[in-house]
Structures are given as C-alpha cells and as structure tokens.
C-alpha cells in the first residue's frame, strides 16, 4: 500500500497506490479500516478520515479508506514495536 513513483527527467512525483504485494492482505486491511471507522468513531484517525473524506463522493471515500488502511497498518506496527496505542482509541477492559 505504497504510492507508485513516476520519474521522467527532472520531474519526480507519486501516483496512486500501487497494487504490488499480497492482494488478500490488502483486502483485509481495507476491511479493518471500515471496522475501525465503525467501532472507533472518536479516534484521531477516524476524525481525520471524516474531516478529509466524509463529505466527498463515494469514489473519494473509497480512496480515503485506502489511505486510512495504510495509516492503520503503520499504527499497528507502532503498537507491536513500541506499545503505542493510536491516539483516541478506546480499549475494552
């Protein structure tokens, strides 16, 4: 779930999300992102998504969910590596 680079001469930019990697894993990450929005509506990541993509078209919301999935994967890695809980996430006792 990384941007596809585009380079031509001195011009360098990033295009959309690449489709490289494990397809089932990408699909699971997207489903986790939808679940996160549903069950953690007050977390910083959910608020970021709502602010940026909440009022957009269906296509924009789908693009946003991919971005949220990537952010959640990074947050999961930080939790496993450093024990950092995503900001605003509510844990069950």
Protein backbone atom coordinates (compact mmCIF):
# COMPACT_ATOMS: atom_id res chain seq x y z
CA UNK A 1 0.00 0.00 0.00
CA UNK A 2 2.60 2.46 -1.15
CA UNK A 3 2.47 5.22 -3.78
CA UNK A 4 3.71 4.37 -7.27
CA UNK A 5 6.65 6.63 -8.19
CA UNK A 6 6.81 8.38 -11.55
CA UNK A 7 10.10 9.82 -12.76
CA UNK A 8 10.90 11.45 -16.08
CA UNK A 9 13.98 13.60 -16.42
CA UNK A 10 13.98 16.11 -13.57
CA UNK A 11 10.31 15.53 -12.81
CA UNK A 12 9.50 13.19 -9.95
CA UNK A 13 6.09 12.62 -8.38
CA UNK A 14 3.97 9.93 -6.81
CA UNK A 15 0.93 8.44 -8.49
CA UNK A 16 -1.82 6.36 -6.92
CA UNK A 17 -1.43 3.44 -4.55
CA UNK A 18 0.38 0.52 -6.19
CA UNK A 19 -1.25 -2.87 -6.45
CA UNK A 20 2.00 -4.66 -5.62
CA UNK A 21 2.01 -7.10 -2.75
CA UNK A 22 -0.36 -9.61 -1.26
CA UNK A 23 -3.88 -8.97 -2.61
CA UNK A 24 -5.79 -10.79 0.19
CA UNK A 25 -3.77 -8.85 2.78
CA UNK A 26 -4.70 -5.54 1.13
CA UNK A 27 -8.37 -6.57 1.17
CA UNK A 28 -8.15 -7.46 4.88
CA UNK A 29 -6.53 -4.09 5.62
CA UNK A 30 -9.42 -2.31 3.86
CA UNK A 31 -11.99 -4.27 5.90
CA UNK A 32 -10.12 -3.44 9.11
CA UNK A 33 -10.25 0.25 8.15
CA UNK A 34 -14.04 0.12 7.64
CA UNK A 35 -14.38 -1.64 11.00
CA UNK A 36 -12.17 0.96 12.66
CA UNK A 37 -14.46 3.76 11.43
CA UNK A 38 -17.49 1.89 12.74
CA UNK A 39 -16.13 0.96 16.18
CA UNK A 40 -13.65 3.78 16.92
CA UNK A 41 -15.50 6.90 15.70
CA UNK A 42 -13.78 9.27 18.15
CA UNK A 43 -10.18 8.24 17.42
CA UNK A 44 -7.85 10.70 15.71
CA UNK A 45 -7.63 8.51 12.63
CA UNK A 46 -11.43 8.34 12.28
CA UNK A 47 -11.77 12.08 12.78
CA UNK A 48 -9.04 12.66 10.17
CA UNK A 49 -10.94 10.46 7.69
CA UNK A 50 -14.28 12.18 8.40
CA UNK A 51 -12.76 15.64 8.03
CA UNK A 52 -10.91 14.84 4.82
CA UNK A 53 -13.21 12.38 3.03
CA UNK A 54 -16.50 12.25 4.96
CA UNK A 55 -18.38 14.68 2.73
CA UNK A 56 -16.88 13.56 -0.55
CA UNK A 57 -18.24 11.33 -3.26
CA UNK A 58 -18.35 7.55 -2.98
CA UNK A 59 -15.14 7.37 -5.03
CA UNK A 60 -13.35 9.81 -2.71
CA UNK A 61 -14.46 7.85 0.36
CA UNK A 62 -13.02 4.68 -1.17
CA UNK A 63 -9.74 6.45 -1.88
CA UNK A 64 -9.77 7.71 1.70
CA UNK A 65 -10.36 4.25 3.14
CA UNK A 66 -7.19 3.02 1.42
CA UNK A 67 -5.27 5.91 3.00
CA UNK A 68 -6.83 5.08 6.38
CA UNK A 69 -5.92 1.40 5.96
CA UNK A 70 -2.29 2.38 5.37
CA UNK A 71 -2.29 4.64 8.43
CA UNK A 72 -3.81 1.81 10.50
CA UNK A 73 -1.13 -0.63 9.36
CA UNK A 74 1.51 1.87 10.47
CA UNK A 75 -0.31 2.32 13.81
CA UNK A 76 -0.46 -1.46 14.26
CA UNK A 77 3.27 -1.72 13.60
CA UNK A 78 3.94 1.04 16.16
CA UNK A 79 1.76 -0.79 18.69
CA UNK A 80 3.61 -4.06 18.17
CA UNK A 81 7.06 -2.46 18.09
CA UNK A 82 6.78 0.24 20.77
CA UNK A 83 3.48 -0.37 22.56
CA UNK A 84 2.00 2.94 21.32
CA UNK A 85 -1.79 2.90 21.24
CA UNK A 86 -3.31 5.01 18.41
CA UNK A 87 -4.45 8.41 19.69
CA UNK A 88 -8.07 8.44 20.80
CA UNK A 89 -8.52 4.66 20.51
CA UNK A 90 -10.73 3.18 23.21
CA UNK A 91 -9.69 -0.21 24.54
CA UNK A 92 -12.06 -2.67 26.13
CA UNK A 93 -11.24 -3.50 29.78
